[in-house]
Amino acid sequence: PAPYRAALGYRNKQIAVLFQVPYSMPVAD
């Protein structure tokens, strides 16, 4: 909708991904 176009007006060629580490994930992973 028109009111939100400025906020969503970019076109990223890439998105960096946050790699999530929960409590029990081994550090080796």
PDB file of all heavy atoms in Angstrom:
ATOM      1  N   PRO A   1       0.828  -1.210   0.000  1.00  0.00           N
ATOM      2  CA  PRO A   1       0.000   0.000   0.000  1.00  0.00           C
ATOM      3  C   PRO A   1       0.863   1.261   0.000  1.00  0.00           C
ATOM      4  O   PRO A   1       1.991   1.276   0.514  1.00  0.00           O
ATOM      5  CB  PRO A   1      -0.807  -0.123   1.305  1.00  0.00           C
ATOM      6  CG  PRO A   1      -0.823  -1.595   1.600  1.00  0.00           C
ATOM      7  CD  PRO A   1       0.518  -2.091   1.140  1.00  0.00           C
ATOM      8  N   ALA A   2       0.336   2.315  -0.581  1.00  0.00           N
ATOM      9  CA  ALA A   2       1.096   3.553  -0.780  1.00  0.00           C
ATOM     10  C   ALA A   2       1.796   4.072   0.471  1.00  0.00           C
ATOM     11  O   ALA A   2       2.949   4.512   0.394  1.00  0.00           O
ATOM     12  CB  ALA A   2       0.170   4.623  -1.361  1.00  0.00           C
ATOM     13  N   PRO A   3       1.188   4.060   1.664  1.00  0.00           N
ATOM     14  CA  PRO A   3       1.867   4.636   2.827  1.00  0.00           C
ATOM     15  C   PRO A   3       3.175   3.943   3.210  1.00  0.00           C
ATOM     16  O   PRO A   3       3.979   4.524   3.949  1.00  0.00           O
ATOM     17  CB  PRO A   3       0.832   4.481   3.949  1.00  0.00           C
ATOM     18  CG  PRO A   3      -0.486   4.380   3.261  1.00  0.00           C
ATOM     19  CD  PRO A   3      -0.184   3.639   1.999  1.00  0.00           C
ATOM     20  N   TYR A   4       3.402   2.720   2.715  1.00  0.00           N
ATOM     21  CA  TYR A   4       4.555   1.940   3.159  1.00  0.00           C
ATOM     22  C   TYR A   4       5.619   1.779   2.075  1.00  0.00           C
ATOM     23  O   TYR A   4       6.639   1.126   2.296  1.00  0.00           O
ATOM     24  CB  TYR A   4       4.085   0.553   3.634  1.00  0.00           C
ATOM     25  CG  TYR A   4       2.922   0.673   4.582  1.00  0.00           C
ATOM     26  CD1 TYR A   4       1.626   0.365   4.174  1.00  0.00           C
ATOM     27  CD2 TYR A   4       3.099   1.161   5.877  1.00  0.00           C
ATOM     28  CE1 TYR A   4       0.548   0.519   5.029  1.00  0.00           C
ATOM     29  CE2 TYR A   4       2.021   1.321   6.737  1.00  0.00           C
ATOM     30  CZ  TYR A   4       0.755   0.993   6.305  1.00  0.00           C
ATOM     31  OH  TYR A   4      -0.324   1.172   7.151  1.00  0.00           O
ATOM     32  N   ARG A   5       5.417   2.402   0.920  1.00  0.00           N
ATOM     33  CA  ARG A   5       6.339   2.199  -0.196  1.00  0.00           C
ATOM     34  C   ARG A   5       7.704   2.832   0.032  1.00  0.00           C
ATOM     35  O   ARG A   5       8.728   2.280  -0.372  1.00  0.00           O
ATOM     36  CB  ARG A   5       5.714   2.734  -1.483  1.00  0.00           C
ATOM     37  CG  ARG A   5       4.510   1.918  -1.919  1.00  0.00           C
ATOM     38  CD  ARG A   5       3.822   2.506  -3.121  1.00  0.00           C
ATOM     39  NE  ARG A   5       2.543   1.841  -3.360  1.00  0.00           N
ATOM     40  CZ  ARG A   5       1.622   2.281  -4.205  1.00  0.00           C
ATOM     41  NH1 ARG A   5       1.834   3.389  -4.894  1.00  0.00           N
ATOM     42  NH2 ARG A   5       0.495   1.613  -4.355  1.00  0.00           N
ATOM     43  N   ALA A   6       7.749   3.976   0.690  1.00  0.00           N
ATOM     44  CA  ALA A   6       9.048   4.613   0.943  1.00  0.00           C
ATOM     45  C   ALA A   6       9.896   3.744   1.868  1.00  0.00           C
ATOM     46  O   ALA A   6      11.101   3.577   1.658  1.00  0.00           O
ATOM     47  CB  ALA A   6       8.847   5.999   1.543  1.00  0.00           C
ATOM     48  N   ALA A   7       9.278   3.169   2.896  1.00  0.00           N
ATOM     49  CA  ALA A   7      10.014   2.328   3.847  1.00  0.00           C
ATOM     50  C   ALA A   7      10.507   1.048   3.203  1.00  0.00           C
ATOM     51  O   ALA A   7      11.529   0.485   3.622  1.00  0.00           O
ATOM     52  CB  ALA A   7       9.124   2.001   5.039  1.00  0.00           C
ATOM     53  N   LEU A   8       9.791   0.562   2.179  1.00  0.00           N
ATOM     54  CA  LEU A   8      10.146  -0.678   1.502  1.00  0.00           C
ATOM     55  C   LEU A   8      10.576  -0.390   0.073  1.00  0.00           C
ATOM     56  O   LEU A   8      10.265  -1.131  -0.853  1.00  0.00           O
ATOM     57  CB  LEU A   8       8.962  -1.653   1.538  1.00  0.00           C
ATOM     58  CG  LEU A   8       8.488  -2.031   2.952  1.00  0.00           C
ATOM     59  CD1 LEU A   8       7.257  -2.921   2.879  1.00  0.00           C
ATOM     60  CD2 LEU A   8       9.598  -2.717   3.726  1.00  0.00           C
ATOM     61  N   GLY A   9      11.331   0.691  -0.094  1.00  0.00           N
ATOM     62  CA  GLY A   9      11.718   1.145  -1.421  1.00  0.00           C
ATOM     63  C   GLY A   9      13.106   0.747  -1.862  1.00  0.00           C
ATOM     64  O   GLY A   9      13.572   1.238  -2.885  1.00  0.00           O
ATOM     65  N   TYR A  10      13.778  -0.113  -1.118  1.00  0.00           N
ATOM     66  CA  TYR A  10      15.131  -0.524  -1.466  1.00  0.00           C
ATOM     67  C   TYR A  10      15.120  -1.861  -2.189  1.00  0.00           C
ATOM     68  O   TYR A  10      14.143  -2.608  -2.116  1.00  0.00           O
ATOM     69  CB  TYR A  10      15.996  -0.608  -0.199  1.00  0.00           C
ATOM     70  CG  TYR A  10      16.197   0.727   0.469  1.00  0.00           C
ATOM     71  CD1 TYR A  10      15.231   1.235   1.334  1.00  0.00           C
ATOM     72  CD2 TYR A  10      17.327   1.497   0.219  1.00  0.00           C
ATOM     73  CE1 TYR A  10      15.388   2.477   1.934  1.00  0.00           C
ATOM     74  CE2 TYR A  10      17.496   2.739   0.813  1.00  0.00           C
ATOM     75  CZ  TYR A  10      16.527   3.222   1.667  1.00  0.00           C
ATOM     76  OH  TYR A  10      16.682   4.445   2.255  1.00  0.00           O
ATOM     77  N   ARG A  11      16.198  -2.150  -2.896  1.00  0.00           N
ATOM     78  CA  ARG A  11      16.339  -3.431  -3.585  1.00  0.00           C
ATOM     79  C   ARG A  11      17.726  -3.979  -3.280  1.00  0.00           C
ATOM     80  O   ARG A  11      18.683  -3.746  -4.019  1.00  0.00           O
ATOM     81  CB  ARG A  11      16.145  -3.271  -5.099  1.00  0.00           C
ATOM     82  CG  ARG A  11      14.755  -2.817  -5.522  1.00  0.00           C
ATOM     83  CD  ARG A  11      13.693  -3.859  -5.199  1.00  0.00           C
ATOM     84  NE  ARG A  11      12.380  -3.329  -5.503  1.00  0.00           N
ATOM     85  CZ  ARG A  11      11.625  -2.639  -4.660  1.00  0.00           C
ATOM     86  NH1 ARG A  11      12.072  -2.402  -3.433  1.00  0.00           N
ATOM     87  NH2 ARG A  11      10.457  -2.169  -5.009  1.00  0.00           N
ATOM     88  N   ASN A  12      17.850  -4.667  -2.164  1.00  0.00           N
ATOM     89  CA  ASN A  12      19.138  -5.252  -1.805  1.00  0.00           C
ATOM     90  C   ASN A  12      19.475  -6.409  -2.734  1.00  0.00           C
ATOM     91  O   ASN A  12      18.629  -7.257  -3.012  1.00  0.00           O
ATOM     92  CB  ASN A  12      19.101  -5.748  -0.364  1.00  0.00           C
ATOM     93  CG  ASN A  12      19.110  -4.620   0.646  1.00  0.00           C
ATOM     94  OD1 ASN A  12      20.091  -3.897   0.756  1.00  0.00           O
ATOM     95  ND2 ASN A  12      18.019  -4.457   1.379  1.00  0.00           N
ATOM     96  N   LYS A  13      20.716  -6.423  -3.206  1.00  0.00           N
ATOM     97  CA  LYS A  13      21.168  -7.534  -4.025  1.00  0.00           C
ATOM     98  C   LYS A  13      21.557  -8.737  -3.180  1.00  0.00           C
ATOM     99  O   LYS A  13      21.600  -9.865  -3.671  1.00  0.00           O
ATOM    100  CB  LYS A  13      22.357  -7.097  -4.884  1.00  0.00           C
ATOM    101  CG  LYS A  13      22.003  -6.055  -5.935  1.00  0.00           C
ATOM    102  CD  LYS A  13      23.224  -5.691  -6.760  1.00  0.00           C
ATOM    103  CE  LYS A  13      22.883  -4.649  -7.813  1.00  0.00           C
ATOM    104  NZ  LYS A  13      24.084  -4.261  -8.602  1.00  0.00           N
ATOM    105  N   GLN A  14      21.831  -8.477  -1.899  1.00  0.00           N
ATOM    106  CA  GLN A  14      22.172  -9.548  -0.982  1.00  0.00           C
ATOM    107  C   GLN A  14      21.546  -9.283   0.384  1.00  0.00           C
ATOM    108  O   GLN A  14      21.288  -8.133   0.750  1.00  0.00           O
ATOM    109  CB  GLN A  14      23.699  -9.659  -0.810  1.00  0.00           C
ATOM    110  CG  GLN A  14      24.437 -10.141  -2.044  1.00  0.00           C
ATOM    111  CD  GLN A  14      25.928 -10.246  -1.777  1.00  0.00           C
ATOM    112  OE1 GLN A  14      26.550  -9.326  -1.265  1.00  0.00           O
ATOM    113  NE2 GLN A  14      26.518 -11.387  -2.131  1.00  0.00           N
ATOM    114  N   ILE A  15      21.316 -10.374   1.114  1.00  0.00           N
ATOM    115  CA  ILE A  15      20.877 -10.293   2.508  1.00  0.00           C
ATOM    116  C   ILE A  15      21.838 -11.134   3.342  1.00  0.00           C
ATOM    117  O   ILE A  15      22.015 -12.330   3.079  1.00  0.00           O
ATOM    118  CB  ILE A  15      19.443 -10.825   2.694  1.00  0.00           C
ATOM    119  CG1 ILE A  15      18.438  -9.998   1.883  1.00  0.00           C
ATOM    120  CG2 ILE A  15      19.055 -10.806   4.167  1.00  0.00           C
ATOM    121  CD1 ILE A  15      17.018 -10.545   1.940  1.00  0.00           C
ATOM    122  N   ALA A  16      22.461 -10.507   4.324  1.00  0.00           N
ATOM    123  CA  ALA A  16      23.318 -11.249   5.242  1.00  0.00           C
ATOM    124  C   ALA A  16      22.451 -12.068   6.190  1.00  0.00           C
ATOM    125  O   ALA A  16      21.411 -11.600   6.645  1.00  0.00           O
ATOM    126  CB  ALA A  16      24.199 -10.280   6.029  1.00  0.00           C
ATOM    127  N   VAL A  17      22.896 -13.274   6.492  1.00  0.00           N
ATOM    128  CA  VAL A  17      22.117 -14.195   7.319  1.00  0.00           C
ATOM    129  C   VAL A  17      22.755 -14.331   8.700  1.00  0.00           C
ATOM    130  O   VAL A  17      23.941 -14.657   8.822  1.00  0.00           O
ATOM    131  CB  VAL A  17      22.012 -15.585   6.652  1.00  0.00           C
ATOM    132  CG1 VAL A  17      21.247 -16.556   7.553  1.00  0.00           C
ATOM    133  CG2 VAL A  17      21.327 -15.461   5.298  1.00  0.00           C
ATOM    134  N   LEU A  18      21.958 -14.062   9.717  1.00  0.00           N
ATOM    135  CA  LEU A  18      22.385 -14.298  11.091  1.00  0.00           C
ATOM    136  C   LEU A  18      22.363 -15.796  11.367  1.00  0.00           C
ATOM    137  O   LEU A  18      21.326 -16.443  11.201  1.00  0.00           O
ATOM    138  CB  LEU A  18      21.435 -13.603  12.069  1.00  0.00           C
ATOM    139  CG  LEU A  18      21.433 -12.072  12.070  1.00  0.00           C
ATOM    140  CD1 LEU A  18      20.092 -11.552  12.580  1.00  0.00           C
ATOM    141  CD2 LEU A  18      22.554 -11.547  12.938  1.00  0.00           C
ATOM    142  N   PHE A  19      23.496 -16.340  11.791  1.00  0.00           N
ATOM    143  CA  PHE A  19      23.559 -17.761  12.133  1.00  0.00           C
ATOM    144  C   PHE A  19      23.272 -17.901  13.615  1.00  0.00           C
ATOM    145  O   PHE A  19      24.031 -17.426  14.464  1.00  0.00           O
ATOM    146  CB  PHE A  19      24.937 -18.339  11.800  1.00  0.00           C
ATOM    147  CG  PHE A  19      25.051 -19.808  12.102  1.00  0.00           C
ATOM    148  CD1 PHE A  19      24.656 -20.752  11.160  1.00  0.00           C
ATOM    149  CD2 PHE A  19      25.538 -20.247  13.326  1.00  0.00           C
ATOM    150  CE1 PHE A  19      24.760 -22.114  11.433  1.00  0.00           C
ATOM    151  CE2 PHE A  19      25.635 -21.603  13.613  1.00  0.00           C
ATOM    152  CZ  PHE A  19      25.247 -22.539  12.664  1.00  0.00           C
ATOM    153  N   GLN A  20      22.158 -18.569  13.947  1.00  0.00           N
ATOM    154  CA  GLN A  20      21.726 -18.626  15.334  1.00  0.00           C
ATOM    155  C   GLN A  20      22.413 -19.746  16.105  1.00  0.00           C
ATOM    156  O   GLN A  20      22.518 -20.876  15.627  1.00  0.00           O
ATOM    157  CB  GLN A  20      20.217 -18.816  15.427  1.00  0.00           C
ATOM    158  CG  GLN A  20      19.702 -18.723  16.856  1.00  0.00           C
ATOM    159  CD  GLN A  20      18.225 -19.023  16.937  1.00  0.00           C
ATOM    160  OE1 GLN A  20      17.844 -20.162  17.110  1.00  0.00           O
ATOM    161  NE2 GLN A  20      17.408 -18.004  16.815  1.00  0.00           N
ATOM    162  N   VAL A  21      22.849 -19.406  17.327  1.00  0.00           N
ATOM    163  CA  VAL A  21      23.515 -20.363  18.207  1.00  0.00           C
ATOM    164  C   VAL A  21      22.678 -20.530  19.473  1.00  0.00           C
ATOM    165  O   VAL A  21      22.755 -19.718  20.397  1.00  0.00           O
ATOM    166  CB  VAL A  21      24.932 -19.885  18.571  1.00  0.00           C
ATOM    167  CG1 VAL A  21      25.635 -20.923  19.444  1.00  0.00           C
ATOM    168  CG2 VAL A  21      25.748 -19.618  17.308  1.00  0.00           C
ATOM    169  N   PRO A  22      21.846 -21.570  19.554  1.00  0.00           N
ATOM    170  CA  PRO A  22      21.063 -21.814  20.778  1.00  0.00           C
ATOM    171  C   PRO A  22      21.935 -22.325  21.908  1.00  0.00           C
ATOM    172  O   PRO A  22      23.119 -22.621  21.723  1.00  0.00           O
ATOM    173  CB  PRO A  22      20.030 -22.850  20.327  1.00  0.00           C
ATOM    174  CG  PRO A  22      20.656 -23.532  19.154  1.00  0.00           C
ATOM    175  CD  PRO A  22      21.538 -22.530  18.488  1.00  0.00           C
ATOM    176  N   TYR A  23      21.339 -22.460  23.083  1.00  0.00           N
ATOM    177  CA  TYR A  23      22.083 -22.820  24.289  1.00  0.00           C
ATOM    178  C   TYR A  23      22.924 -24.082  24.125  1.00  0.00           C
ATOM    179  O   TYR A  23      24.048 -24.171  24.618  1.00  0.00           O
ATOM    180  CB  TYR A  23      21.131 -23.052  25.471  1.00  0.00           C
ATOM    181  CG  TYR A  23      20.187 -21.939  25.804  1.00  0.00           C
ATOM    182  CD1 TYR A  23      18.876 -22.209  26.213  1.00  0.00           C
ATOM    183  CD2 TYR A  23      20.570 -20.599  25.737  1.00  0.00           C
ATOM    184  CE1 TYR A  23      17.994 -21.200  26.548  1.00  0.00           C
ATOM    185  CE2 TYR A  23      19.702 -19.580  26.057  1.00  0.00           C
ATOM    186  CZ  TYR A  23      18.402 -19.881  26.463  1.00  0.00           C
ATOM    187  OH  TYR A  23      17.528 -18.881  26.780  1.00  0.00           O
ATOM    188  N   SER A  24      22.360 -25.077  23.462  1.00  0.00           N
ATOM    189  CA  SER A  24      22.988 -26.403  23.469  1.00  0.00           C
ATOM    190  C   SER A  24      23.822 -26.708  22.228  1.00  0.00           C
ATOM    191  O   SER A  24      24.370 -27.813  22.118  1.00  0.00           O
ATOM    192  CB  SER A  24      21.911 -27.488  23.624  1.00  0.00           C
ATOM    193  OG  SER A  24      20.956 -27.389  22.580  1.00  0.00           O
ATOM    194  N   MET A  25      23.968 -25.771  21.313  1.00  0.00           N
ATOM    195  CA  MET A  25      24.731 -26.067  20.099  1.00  0.00           C
ATOM    196  C   MET A  25      26.220 -26.222  20.422  1.00  0.00           C
ATOM    197  O   MET A  25      26.824 -25.352  21.060  1.00  0.00           O
ATOM    198  CB  MET A  25      24.555 -24.959  19.061  1.00  0.00           C
ATOM    199  CG  MET A  25      25.394 -25.164  17.807  1.00  0.00           C
ATOM    200  SD  MET A  25      25.134 -23.907  16.543  1.00  0.00           S
ATOM    201  CE  MET A  25      23.559 -24.447  15.862  1.00  0.00           C
ATOM    202  N   PRO A  26      26.843 -27.296  19.969  1.00  0.00           N
ATOM    203  CA  PRO A  26      28.286 -27.452  20.183  1.00  0.00           C
ATOM    204  C   PRO A  26      29.063 -26.326  19.499  1.00  0.00           C
ATOM    205  O   PRO A  26      28.721 -25.897  18.386  1.00  0.00           O
ATOM    206  CB  PRO A  26      28.592 -28.807  19.530  1.00  0.00           C
ATOM    207  CG  PRO A  26      27.284 -29.531  19.512  1.00  0.00           C
ATOM    208  CD  PRO A  26      26.248 -28.473  19.313  1.00  0.00           C
ATOM    209  N   VAL A  27      30.111 -25.858  20.157  1.00  0.00           N
ATOM    210  CA  VAL A  27      30.925 -24.781  19.584  1.00  0.00           C
ATOM    211  C   VAL A  27      31.544 -25.223  18.261  1.00  0.00           C
ATOM    212  O   VAL A  27      31.734 -24.406  17.344  1.00  0.00           O
ATOM    213  CB  VAL A  27      32.003 -24.337  20.590  1.00  0.00           C
ATOM    214  CG1 VAL A  27      32.963 -23.331  19.955  1.00  0.00           C
ATOM    215  CG2 VAL A  27      31.353 -23.718  21.830  1.00  0.00           C
ATOM    216  N   ALA A  28      31.822 -26.506  18.118  1.00  0.00           N
ATOM    217  CA  ALA A  28      32.375 -27.016  16.860  1.00  0.00           C
ATOM    218  C   ALA A  28      31.437 -26.739  15.687  1.00  0.00           C
ATOM    219  O   ALA A  28      31.893 -26.486  14.560  1.00  0.00           O
ATOM    220  CB  ALA A  28      32.644 -28.519  16.976  1.00  0.00           C
ATOM    221  N   ASP A  29      30.126 -26.763  15.944  1.00  0.00           N
ATOM    222  CA  ASP A  29      29.160 -26.469  14.887  1.00  0.00           C
ATOM    223  C   ASP A  29      29.205 -24.985  14.505  1.00  0.00           C
ATOM    224  O   ASP A  29      28.969 -24.630  13.343  1.00  0.00           O
ATOM    225  CB  ASP A  29      27.745 -26.839  15.335  1.00  0.00           C
ATOM    226  CG  ASP A  29      27.531 -28.344  15.418  1.00  0.00           C
ATOM    227  OD1 ASP A  29      28.471 -29.095  15.086  1.00  0.00           O
ATOM    228  OD2 ASP A  29      26.437 -28.764  15.811  1.00  0.00           O
TER     229      ASP A  29
END
